[in-house]
Amino acid sequence: MKKFWVRRILVKTLDLIDLNKGADSTDYNGTLTSIKRSIQIKGANIWILICGSLLASIGLDINSPTLLIGAMLISPLMVPILGIGVFYATRDSPNLKQSMEKMALAVFVSLLTSIIYFIITPFGELTPEISARTQPTLIDALIAFIGGVVGIISISRKEQITVLPGVAVAITLMPPICTVGYGISIFNSAIISGAIYLFLINAAIIIVVSSFAAKRLGFPLKQNVSRKRKKFHQRAAILGIIILLSPGTYLLTKTIEFSEKENKIEEFINNEIDPIAEVVKWEYYPTD
């Protein structure tokens, strides 16, 4: 009797979270059509992209989170990346190639805009918002994973859920590109490499998640692929993600270590320093 109830609860739970059931089930044709239309980087989308890049650059330059959020809301970068994952999963080579080309064009336009801005800006100092995007960790990968799941689910519904703007805020695609532009404008390789790494983490995780989700949701294949080739692609993807996330794992470990030492220093100051005295500033210099 107990096993029956457990099985019944399990069946009901699986039915409850099944994305292919209900009025908002997966809209295959509508999703593919929407992605194909949205990946076009020309006309109005180009101007929106330039404006988004300018907003992000100004936000980084004057350390304004509000402007950065605005830039991420209007930036049309999310859908082309989702498109790469979906078209890869469906073996749609022509549209996959187009998505990659449009994504490369979008990155180029955004980067060029940010470089021009940071060359002519009267400010151009290293702000906390810029620094925050030069040392990505596994936390950023986790955020990209969650955002990728929400993004592909929302865009694939028959009645599309309006959460893509929120996903765009969670996944910082535009600010890292503009941070690269800042690094190029001042010839700083550390800033350039760190920001590129953050962008690659976000983009790669979204592509992998959207590709896996498209397969699980049952998007129709454009062409069949042999089992041997499928296994090769799966192994290559897993290896690529492991290699990509390795530096992030190391940086997260270092961040945790520094946080622990920072807490110990603060505790020492609070417990051992005379309350009459005031510690104006302290710095930590690692020995390794």
C-alpha atoms as a PDB file:
ATOM      1  CA  MET A   1       0.000   0.000   0.000  1.00  0.00           C
ATOM      2  CA  LYS A   2       2.846   2.346   0.892  1.00  0.00           C
ATOM      3  CA  LYS A   3       4.611   1.630  -2.408  1.00  0.00           C
ATOM      4  CA  PHE A   4       1.388   2.425  -4.283  1.00  0.00           C
ATOM      5  CA  TRP A   5       1.117   5.876  -2.690  1.00  0.00           C
ATOM      6  CA  VAL A   6       4.776   6.623  -3.298  1.00  0.00           C
ATOM      7  CA  ARG A   7       4.397   5.652  -6.959  1.00  0.00           C
ATOM      8  CA  ARG A   8       1.225   7.710  -7.296  1.00  0.00           C
ATOM      9  CA  ILE A   9       2.889  10.806  -5.794  1.00  0.00           C
ATOM     10  CA  LEU A  10       5.878  10.323  -8.102  1.00  0.00           C
ATOM     11  CA  VAL A  11       3.656  10.047 -11.193  1.00  0.00           C
ATOM     12  CA  LYS A  12       1.696  13.163 -10.209  1.00  0.00           C
ATOM     13  CA  THR A  13       4.915  15.092  -9.574  1.00  0.00           C
ATOM     14  CA  LEU A  14       6.383  14.122 -12.952  1.00  0.00           C
ATOM     15  CA  ASP A  15       3.108  15.040 -14.621  1.00  0.00           C
ATOM     16  CA  LEU A  16       3.102  18.394 -12.825  1.00  0.00           C
ATOM     17  CA  ILE A  17       6.566  19.396 -14.070  1.00  0.00           C
ATOM     18  CA  ASP A  18       6.169  17.955 -17.585  1.00  0.00           C
ATOM     19  CA  LEU A  19       6.808  20.861 -19.984  1.00  0.00           C
ATOM     20  CA  ASN A  20       5.015  19.152 -22.867  1.00  0.00           C
ATOM     21  CA  LYS A  21       1.635  19.076 -21.169  1.00  0.00           C
ATOM     22  CA  GLY A  22      -0.984  21.748 -20.645  1.00  0.00           C
ATOM     23  CA  ALA A  23      -2.015  24.844 -22.555  1.00  0.00           C
ATOM     24  CA  ASP A  24       1.518  26.234 -22.506  1.00  0.00           C
ATOM     25  CA  SER A  25       3.202  23.135 -23.939  1.00  0.00           C
ATOM     26  CA  THR A  26       6.188  23.356 -26.268  1.00  0.00           C
ATOM     27  CA  ASP A  27       5.536  25.251 -29.509  1.00  0.00           C
ATOM     28  CA  TYR A  28       8.141  23.771 -31.838  1.00  0.00           C
ATOM     29  CA  ASN A  29       7.362  25.684 -35.029  1.00  0.00           C
ATOM     30  CA  GLY A  30       6.626  28.922 -33.207  1.00  0.00           C
ATOM     31  CA  THR A  31       9.875  28.710 -31.229  1.00  0.00           C
ATOM     32  CA  LEU A  32      12.038  28.066 -34.276  1.00  0.00           C
ATOM     33  CA  THR A  33      10.313  30.852 -36.226  1.00  0.00           C
ATOM     34  CA  SER A  34      10.738  33.271 -33.308  1.00  0.00           C
ATOM     35  CA  ILE A  35      14.440  32.475 -32.963  1.00  0.00           C
ATOM     36  CA  LYS A  36      15.068  32.827 -36.696  1.00  0.00           C
ATOM     37  CA  ARG A  37      13.376  36.223 -36.658  1.00  0.00           C
ATOM     38  CA  SER A  38      15.114  37.443 -33.500  1.00  0.00           C
ATOM     39  CA  ILE A  39      18.675  36.495 -34.473  1.00  0.00           C
ATOM     40  CA  GLN A  40      18.681  38.999 -37.330  1.00  0.00           C
ATOM     41  CA  ILE A  41      21.265  41.645 -36.417  1.00  0.00           C
ATOM     42  CA  LYS A  42      20.400  44.463 -38.794  1.00  0.00           C
ATOM     43  CA  GLY A  43      18.312  47.608 -38.994  1.00  0.00           C
ATOM     44  CA  ALA A  44      16.594  48.317 -35.667  1.00  0.00           C
ATOM     45  CA  ASN A  45      18.450  45.502 -33.887  1.00  0.00           C
ATOM     46  CA  ILE A  46      21.810  47.066 -34.790  1.00  0.00           C
ATOM     47  CA  TRP A  47      20.752  50.393 -33.291  1.00  0.00           C
ATOM     48  CA  ILE A  48      19.398  48.670 -30.171  1.00  0.00           C
ATOM     49  CA  LEU A  49      22.685  46.790 -29.885  1.00  0.00           C
ATOM     50  CA  ILE A  50      24.733  49.995 -30.174  1.00  0.00           C
ATOM     51  CA  CYS A  51      22.537  51.735 -27.591  1.00  0.00           C
ATOM     52  CA  GLY A  52      22.817  48.747 -25.262  1.00  0.00           C
ATOM     53  CA  SER A  53      26.597  48.748 -25.605  1.00  0.00           C
ATOM     54  CA  LEU A  54      26.768  52.497 -24.939  1.00  0.00           C
ATOM     55  CA  LEU A  55      24.552  52.172 -21.857  1.00  0.00           C
ATOM     56  CA  ALA A  56      26.677  49.297 -20.515  1.00  0.00           C
ATOM     57  CA  SER A  57      29.903  51.207 -21.195  1.00  0.00           C
ATOM     58  CA  ILE A  58      28.619  54.323 -19.428  1.00  0.00           C
ATOM     59  CA  GLY A  59      27.375  52.172 -16.534  1.00  0.00           C
ATOM     60  CA  LEU A  60      30.800  50.569 -16.166  1.00  0.00           C
ATOM     61  CA  ASP A  61      32.524  53.928 -16.545  1.00  0.00           C
ATOM     62  CA  ILE A  62      30.541  55.755 -13.854  1.00  0.00           C
ATOM     63  CA  ASN A  63      29.936  52.629 -11.735  1.00  0.00           C
ATOM     64  CA  SER A  64      26.144  52.655 -12.200  1.00  0.00           C
ATOM     65  CA  PRO A  65      24.327  49.299 -11.714  1.00  0.00           C
ATOM     66  CA  THR A  66      21.106  50.942 -12.919  1.00  0.00           C
ATOM     67  CA  LEU A  67      22.557  51.710 -16.344  1.00  0.00           C
ATOM     68  CA  LEU A  68      24.023  48.191 -16.575  1.00  0.00           C
ATOM     69  CA  ILE A  69      20.616  46.659 -15.861  1.00  0.00           C
ATOM     70  CA  GLY A  70      19.073  48.895 -18.530  1.00  0.00           C
ATOM     71  CA  ALA A  71      21.714  47.799 -21.044  1.00  0.00           C
ATOM     72  CA  MET A  72      21.086  44.129 -20.300  1.00  0.00           C
ATOM     73  CA  LEU A  73      17.327  44.595 -20.657  1.00  0.00           C
ATOM     74  CA  ILE A  74      17.487  46.050 -24.157  1.00  0.00           C
ATOM     75  CA  SER A  75      20.419  44.018 -25.474  1.00  0.00           C
ATOM     76  CA  PRO A  76      19.398  41.511 -28.215  1.00  0.00           C
ATOM     77  CA  LEU A  77      22.226  39.075 -27.402  1.00  0.00           C
ATOM     78  CA  MET A  78      20.299  36.383 -25.539  1.00  0.00           C
ATOM     79  CA  VAL A  79      18.261  34.857 -28.374  1.00  0.00           C
ATOM     80  CA  PRO A  80      21.147  34.301 -30.859  1.00  0.00           C
ATOM     81  CA  ILE A  81      22.990  32.297 -28.186  1.00  0.00           C
ATOM     82  CA  LEU A  82      19.864  30.251 -27.462  1.00  0.00           C
ATOM     83  CA  GLY A  83      19.544  29.797 -31.221  1.00  0.00           C
ATOM     84  CA  ILE A  84      23.005  28.262 -31.476  1.00  0.00           C
ATOM     85  CA  GLY A  85      22.069  25.645 -28.885  1.00  0.00           C
ATOM     86  CA  VAL A  86      18.647  24.875 -30.367  1.00  0.00           C
ATOM     87  CA  PHE A  87      19.821  24.656 -33.983  1.00  0.00           C
ATOM     88  CA  TYR A  88      22.780  22.502 -32.941  1.00  0.00           C
ATOM     89  CA  ALA A  89      20.420  20.122 -31.152  1.00  0.00           C
ATOM     90  CA  THR A  90      18.070  19.945 -34.163  1.00  0.00           C
ATOM     91  CA  ARG A  91      20.957  19.469 -36.631  1.00  0.00           C
ATOM     92  CA  ASP A  92      19.833  22.541 -38.565  1.00  0.00           C
ATOM     93  CA  SER A  93      23.185  23.444 -40.146  1.00  0.00           C
ATOM     94  CA  PRO A  94      22.103  26.501 -42.207  1.00  0.00           C
ATOM     95  CA  ASN A  95      20.399  28.224 -39.267  1.00  0.00           C
ATOM     96  CA  LEU A  96      23.179  27.154 -36.887  1.00  0.00           C
ATOM     97  CA  LYS A  97      25.709  28.818 -39.168  1.00  0.00           C
ATOM     98  CA  GLN A  98      23.552  31.923 -39.399  1.00  0.00           C
ATOM     99  CA  SER A  99      23.140  32.103 -35.622  1.00  0.00           C
ATOM    100  CA  MET A 100      26.895  31.895 -35.151  1.00  0.00           C
ATOM    101  CA  GLU A 101      27.517  34.568 -37.775  1.00  0.00           C
ATOM    102  CA  LYS A 102      24.910  36.903 -36.249  1.00  0.00           C
ATOM    103  CA  MET A 103      26.299  36.295 -32.777  1.00  0.00           C
ATOM    104  CA  ALA A 104      29.818  37.130 -33.993  1.00  0.00           C
ATOM    105  CA  LEU A 105      28.494  40.282 -35.670  1.00  0.00           C
ATOM    106  CA  ALA A 106      26.646  41.331 -32.501  1.00  0.00           C
ATOM    107  CA  VAL A 107      29.782  40.844 -30.393  1.00  0.00           C
ATOM    108  CA  PHE A 108      31.883  42.799 -32.908  1.00  0.00           C
ATOM    109  CA  VAL A 109      29.440  45.743 -33.024  1.00  0.00           C
ATOM    110  CA  SER A 110      29.147  45.832 -29.220  1.00  0.00           C
ATOM    111  CA  LEU A 111      32.903  45.603 -28.746  1.00  0.00           C
ATOM    112  CA  LEU A 112      33.661  48.292 -31.330  1.00  0.00           C
ATOM    113  CA  THR A 113      31.100  50.630 -29.758  1.00  0.00           C
ATOM    114  CA  SER A 114      32.584  50.162 -26.279  1.00  0.00           C
ATOM    115  CA  ILE A 115      36.160  50.675 -27.510  1.00  0.00           C
ATOM    116  CA  ILE A 116      35.201  53.950 -29.181  1.00  0.00           C
ATOM    117  CA  TYR A 117      33.367  55.093 -26.050  1.00  0.00           C
ATOM    118  CA  PHE A 118      36.250  54.327 -23.675  1.00  0.00           C
ATOM    119  CA  ILE A 119      38.749  56.036 -25.988  1.00  0.00           C
ATOM    120  CA  ILE A 120      36.809  59.316 -25.944  1.00  0.00           C
ATOM    121  CA  THR A 121      35.356  59.270 -22.397  1.00  0.00           C
ATOM    122  CA  PRO A 122      36.747  61.896 -20.001  1.00  0.00           C
ATOM    123  CA  PHE A 123      36.587  59.377 -17.123  1.00  0.00           C
ATOM    124  CA  GLY A 124      37.983  55.942 -17.980  1.00  0.00           C
ATOM    125  CA  GLU A 125      39.018  54.892 -14.460  1.00  0.00           C
ATOM    126  CA  LEU A 126      38.940  51.298 -13.207  1.00  0.00           C
ATOM    127  CA  THR A 127      35.612  51.152 -11.345  1.00  0.00           C
ATOM    128  CA  PRO A 128      34.297  48.376  -9.041  1.00  0.00           C
ATOM    129  CA  GLU A 129      31.770  47.397 -11.742  1.00  0.00           C
ATOM    130  CA  ILE A 130      34.619  46.809 -14.195  1.00  0.00           C
ATOM    131  CA  SER A 131      36.721  44.912 -11.640  1.00  0.00           C
ATOM    132  CA  ALA A 132      33.744  42.688 -10.774  1.00  0.00           C
ATOM    133  CA  ARG A 133      33.786  41.314 -14.321  1.00  0.00           C
ATOM    134  CA  THR A 134      37.436  40.368 -14.522  1.00  0.00           C
ATOM    135  CA  GLN A 135      37.532  37.368 -12.144  1.00  0.00           C
ATOM    136  CA  PRO A 136      34.581  35.066 -12.887  1.00  0.00           C
ATOM    137  CA  THR A 137      34.030  31.916 -10.810  1.00  0.00           C
ATOM    138  CA  LEU A 138      31.757  28.865 -10.804  1.00  0.00           C
ATOM    139  CA  ILE A 139      29.032  31.079  -9.324  1.00  0.00           C
ATOM    140  CA  ASP A 140      28.826  32.847 -12.696  1.00  0.00           C
ATOM    141  CA  ALA A 141      28.523  29.459 -14.409  1.00  0.00           C
ATOM    142  CA  LEU A 142      25.680  28.506 -12.063  1.00  0.00           C
ATOM    143  CA  ILE A 143      23.877  31.786 -12.830  1.00  0.00           C
ATOM    144  CA  ALA A 144      24.295  31.168 -16.562  1.00  0.00           C
ATOM    145  CA  PHE A 145      22.960  27.615 -16.152  1.00  0.00           C
ATOM    146  CA  ILE A 146      19.819  28.800 -14.362  1.00  0.00           C
ATOM    147  CA  GLY A 147      19.313  31.618 -16.845  1.00  0.00           C
ATOM    148  CA  GLY A 148      19.745  29.260 -19.801  1.00  0.00           C
ATOM    149  CA  VAL A 149      17.104  26.892 -18.426  1.00  0.00           C
ATOM    150  CA  VAL A 150      14.628  29.725 -17.861  1.00  0.00           C
ATOM    151  CA  GLY A 151      15.423  31.255 -21.240  1.00  0.00           C
ATOM    152  CA  ILE A 152      14.787  28.127 -23.324  1.00  0.00           C
ATOM    153  CA  ILE A 153      11.659  27.244 -21.340  1.00  0.00           C
ATOM    154  CA  SER A 154      10.152  30.715 -21.724  1.00  0.00           C
ATOM    155  CA  ILE A 155      10.887  31.096 -25.422  1.00  0.00           C
ATOM    156  CA  SER A 156       9.575  27.621 -26.277  1.00  0.00           C
ATOM    157  CA  ARG A 157       6.070  28.034 -24.758  1.00  0.00           C
ATOM    158  CA  LYS A 158       2.993  28.398 -26.948  1.00  0.00           C
ATOM    159  CA  GLU A 159       2.081  31.422 -24.872  1.00  0.00           C
ATOM    160  CA  GLN A 160       5.555  32.798 -24.301  1.00  0.00           C
ATOM    161  CA  ILE A 161       6.366  33.767 -20.740  1.00  0.00           C
ATOM    162  CA  THR A 162       7.767  37.284 -20.526  1.00  0.00           C
ATOM    163  CA  VAL A 163      10.839  36.441 -18.465  1.00  0.00           C
ATOM    164  CA  LEU A 164      13.553  36.922 -21.083  1.00  0.00           C
ATOM    165  CA  PRO A 165      14.274  40.472 -19.871  1.00  0.00           C
ATOM    166  CA  GLY A 166      14.820  39.079 -16.382  1.00  0.00           C
ATOM    167  CA  VAL A 167      17.056  36.347 -17.783  1.00  0.00           C
ATOM    168  CA  ALA A 168      19.042  38.997 -19.631  1.00  0.00           C
ATOM    169  CA  VAL A 169      19.657  40.778 -16.326  1.00  0.00           C
ATOM    170  CA  ALA A 170      20.771  37.576 -14.618  1.00  0.00           C
ATOM    171  CA  ILE A 171      23.150  36.614 -17.410  1.00  0.00           C
ATOM    172  CA  THR A 172      25.648  39.399 -17.908  1.00  0.00           C
ATOM    173  CA  LEU A 173      26.368  39.158 -21.627  1.00  0.00           C
ATOM    174  CA  MET A 174      26.768  42.799 -22.605  1.00  0.00           C
ATOM    175  CA  PRO A 175      28.864  44.151 -19.658  1.00  0.00           C
ATOM    176  CA  PRO A 176      31.714  41.622 -20.163  1.00  0.00           C
ATOM    177  CA  ILE A 177      31.978  42.605 -23.832  1.00  0.00           C
ATOM    178  CA  CYS A 178      32.148  46.273 -22.860  1.00  0.00           C
ATOM    179  CA  THR A 179      34.712  45.431 -20.175  1.00  0.00           C
ATOM    180  CA  VAL A 180      36.833  43.863 -22.918  1.00  0.00           C
ATOM    181  CA  GLY A 181      36.433  47.138 -24.822  1.00  0.00           C
ATOM    182  CA  TYR A 182      37.691  49.028 -21.770  1.00  0.00           C
ATOM    183  CA  GLY A 183      40.667  46.669 -21.456  1.00  0.00           C
ATOM    184  CA  ILE A 184      41.552  47.129 -25.125  1.00  0.00           C
ATOM    185  CA  SER A 185      41.275  50.919 -24.834  1.00  0.00           C
ATOM    186  CA  ILE A 186      43.892  50.969 -22.038  1.00  0.00           C
ATOM    187  CA  PHE A 187      45.901  47.945 -23.308  1.00  0.00           C
ATOM    188  CA  ASN A 188      45.341  45.898 -20.144  1.00  0.00           C
ATOM    189  CA  SER A 189      45.617  42.168 -20.917  1.00  0.00           C
ATOM    190  CA  ALA A 190      44.420  41.046 -17.457  1.00  0.00           C
ATOM    191  CA  ILE A 191      41.122  42.900 -17.809  1.00  0.00           C
ATOM    192  CA  ILE A 192      40.686  41.677 -21.390  1.00  0.00           C
ATOM    193  CA  SER A 193      41.299  38.010 -20.559  1.00  0.00           C
ATOM    194  CA  GLY A 194      39.118  38.066 -17.428  1.00  0.00           C
ATOM    195  CA  ALA A 195      36.154  39.674 -19.185  1.00  0.00           C
ATOM    196  CA  ILE A 196      36.470  37.381 -22.210  1.00  0.00           C
ATOM    197  CA  TYR A 197      36.475  34.413 -19.860  1.00  0.00           C
ATOM    198  CA  LEU A 198      33.277  35.629 -18.169  1.00  0.00           C
ATOM    199  CA  PHE A 199      31.557  36.043 -21.531  1.00  0.00           C
ATOM    200  CA  LEU A 200      32.704  32.605 -22.718  1.00  0.00           C
ATOM    201  CA  ILE A 201      31.415  30.960 -19.523  1.00  0.00           C
ATOM    202  CA  ASN A 202      27.998  32.555 -19.937  1.00  0.00           C
ATOM    203  CA  ALA A 203      27.730  31.855 -23.659  1.00  0.00           C
ATOM    204  CA  ALA A 204      28.979  28.260 -23.451  1.00  0.00           C
ATOM    205  CA  ILE A 205      26.711  27.296 -20.552  1.00  0.00           C
ATOM    206  CA  ILE A 206      23.657  28.815 -22.267  1.00  0.00           C
ATOM    207  CA  ILE A 207      24.447  26.962 -25.511  1.00  0.00           C
ATOM    208  CA  VAL A 208      24.901  23.623 -23.736  1.00  0.00           C
ATOM    209  CA  VAL A 209      21.755  24.056 -21.624  1.00  0.00           C
ATOM    210  CA  SER A 210      19.577  25.169 -24.553  1.00  0.00           C
ATOM    211  CA  SER A 211      20.887  22.312 -26.706  1.00  0.00           C
ATOM    212  CA  PHE A 212      20.191  19.706 -24.023  1.00  0.00           C
ATOM    213  CA  ALA A 213      16.752  21.203 -23.306  1.00  0.00           C
ATOM    214  CA  ALA A 214      15.830  21.203 -27.005  1.00  0.00           C
ATOM    215  CA  LYS A 215      16.646  17.491 -27.163  1.00  0.00           C
ATOM    216  CA  ARG A 216      14.668  16.722 -24.013  1.00  0.00           C
ATOM    217  CA  LEU A 217      11.684  18.757 -25.235  1.00  0.00           C
ATOM    218  CA  GLY A 218      11.637  16.744 -28.446  1.00  0.00           C
ATOM    219  CA  PHE A 219      12.396  19.398 -31.057  1.00  0.00           C
ATOM    220  CA  PRO A 220      12.280  17.719 -34.501  1.00  0.00           C
ATOM    221  CA  LEU A 221      15.610  16.900 -36.154  1.00  0.00           C
ATOM    222  CA  LYS A 222      16.459  18.349 -39.562  1.00  0.00           C
ATOM    223  CA  GLN A 223      18.864  15.497 -40.299  1.00  0.00           C
ATOM    224  CA  ASN A 224      19.841  12.251 -38.625  1.00  0.00           C
ATOM    225  CA  VAL A 225      23.265  11.735 -37.086  1.00  0.00           C
ATOM    226  CA  SER A 226      24.972   8.425 -36.404  1.00  0.00           C
ATOM    227  CA  ARG A 227      25.259   7.186 -32.825  1.00  0.00           C
ATOM    228  CA  LYS A 228      29.055   7.309 -33.072  1.00  0.00           C
ATOM    229  CA  ARG A 229      28.978  10.972 -34.057  1.00  0.00           C
ATOM    230  CA  LYS A 230      26.508  11.777 -31.259  1.00  0.00           C
ATOM    231  CA  LYS A 231      28.824  10.219 -28.669  1.00  0.00           C
ATOM    232  CA  PHE A 232      31.772  12.147 -30.094  1.00  0.00           C
ATOM    233  CA  HIS A 233      29.869  15.439 -29.834  1.00  0.00           C
ATOM    234  CA  GLN A 234      28.733  14.655 -26.285  1.00  0.00           C
ATOM    235  CA  ARG A 235      32.253  13.795 -25.123  1.00  0.00           C
ATOM    236  CA  ALA A 236      33.692  16.878 -26.839  1.00  0.00           C
ATOM    237  CA  ALA A 237      31.072  19.091 -25.152  1.00  0.00           C
ATOM    238  CA  ILE A 238      31.740  17.588 -21.705  1.00  0.00           C
ATOM    239  CA  LEU A 239      35.516  17.946 -22.136  1.00  0.00           C
ATOM    240  CA  GLY A 240      35.131  21.519 -23.367  1.00  0.00           C
ATOM    241  CA  ILE A 241      32.973  22.505 -20.382  1.00  0.00           C
ATOM    242  CA  ILE A 242      35.434  20.897 -17.925  1.00  0.00           C
ATOM    243  CA  ILE A 243      38.347  22.796 -19.482  1.00  0.00           C
ATOM    244  CA  LEU A 244      36.354  26.036 -19.553  1.00  0.00           C
ATOM    245  CA  LEU A 245      35.260  25.796 -15.912  1.00  0.00           C
ATOM    246  CA  SER A 246      38.648  24.785 -14.483  1.00  0.00           C
ATOM    247  CA  PRO A 247      39.968  28.363 -14.057  1.00  0.00           C
ATOM    248  CA  GLY A 248      36.612  29.352 -12.529  1.00  0.00           C
ATOM    249  CA  THR A 249      36.933  26.557  -9.982  1.00  0.00           C
ATOM    250  CA  TYR A 250      40.405  27.765  -9.025  1.00  0.00           C
ATOM    251  CA  LEU A 251      39.248  31.390  -8.733  1.00  0.00           C
ATOM    252  CA  LEU A 252      36.265  30.368  -6.581  1.00  0.00           C
ATOM    253  CA  THR A 253      38.597  28.472  -4.233  1.00  0.00           C
ATOM    254  CA  LYS A 254      40.845  31.511  -3.938  1.00  0.00           C
ATOM    255  CA  THR A 255      37.848  33.780  -3.328  1.00  0.00           C
ATOM    256  CA  ILE A 256      36.588  31.539  -0.515  1.00  0.00           C
ATOM    257  CA  GLU A 257      40.067  31.401   1.038  1.00  0.00           C
ATOM    258  CA  PHE A 258      40.406  35.184   0.914  1.00  0.00           C
ATOM    259  CA  SER A 259      36.928  35.631   2.404  1.00  0.00           C
ATOM    260  CA  GLU A 260      37.811  33.344   5.317  1.00  0.00           C
ATOM    261  CA  LYS A 261      41.068  35.208   5.995  1.00  0.00           C
ATOM    262  CA  GLU A 262      39.269  38.544   5.700  1.00  0.00           C
ATOM    263  CA  ASN A 263      36.759  37.425   8.338  1.00  0.00           C
ATOM    264  CA  LYS A 264      39.590  36.334  10.652  1.00  0.00           C
ATOM    265  CA  ILE A 265      41.317  39.699  10.244  1.00  0.00           C
ATOM    266  CA  GLU A 266      38.060  41.545  10.995  1.00  0.00           C
ATOM    267  CA  GLU A 267      37.554  39.330  14.056  1.00  0.00           C
ATOM    268  CA  PHE A 268      41.105  40.041  15.225  1.00  0.00           C
ATOM    269  CA  ILE A 269      40.578  43.791  14.811  1.00  0.00           C
ATOM    270  CA  ASN A 270      37.302  43.686  16.752  1.00  0.00           C
ATOM    271  CA  ASN A 271      38.675  41.535  19.592  1.00  0.00           C
ATOM    272  CA  GLU A 272      42.289  42.615  19.971  1.00  0.00           C
ATOM    273  CA  ILE A 273      42.501  46.271  18.944  1.00  0.00           C
ATOM    274  CA  ASP A 274      41.743  48.863  21.588  1.00  0.00           C
ATOM    275  CA  PRO A 275      38.131  50.063  21.096  1.00  0.00           C
ATOM    276  CA  ILE A 276      39.341  53.644  21.441  1.00  0.00           C
ATOM    277  CA  ALA A 277      41.516  53.195  18.363  1.00  0.00           C
ATOM    278  CA  GLU A 278      40.050  53.089  14.881  1.00  0.00           C
ATOM    279  CA  VAL A 279      41.442  50.989  12.036  1.00  0.00           C
ATOM    280  CA  VAL A 280      41.158  53.245   9.006  1.00  0.00           C
ATOM    281  CA  LYS A 281      42.546  50.794   6.460  1.00  0.00           C
ATOM    282  CA  TRP A 282      44.100  47.363   6.301  1.00  0.00           C
ATOM    283  CA  GLU A 283      45.466  45.253   3.450  1.00  0.00           C
ATOM    284  CA  TYR A 284      46.098  41.549   3.090  1.00  0.00           C
ATOM    285  CA  TYR A 285      49.195  40.319   1.240  1.00  0.00           C
ATOM    286  CA  PRO A 286      49.124  36.574   0.439  1.00  0.00           C
ATOM    287  CA  THR A 287      52.440  34.785   0.978  1.00  0.00           C
ATOM    288  CA  ASP A 288      51.981  32.237  -1.828  1.00  0.00           C
END
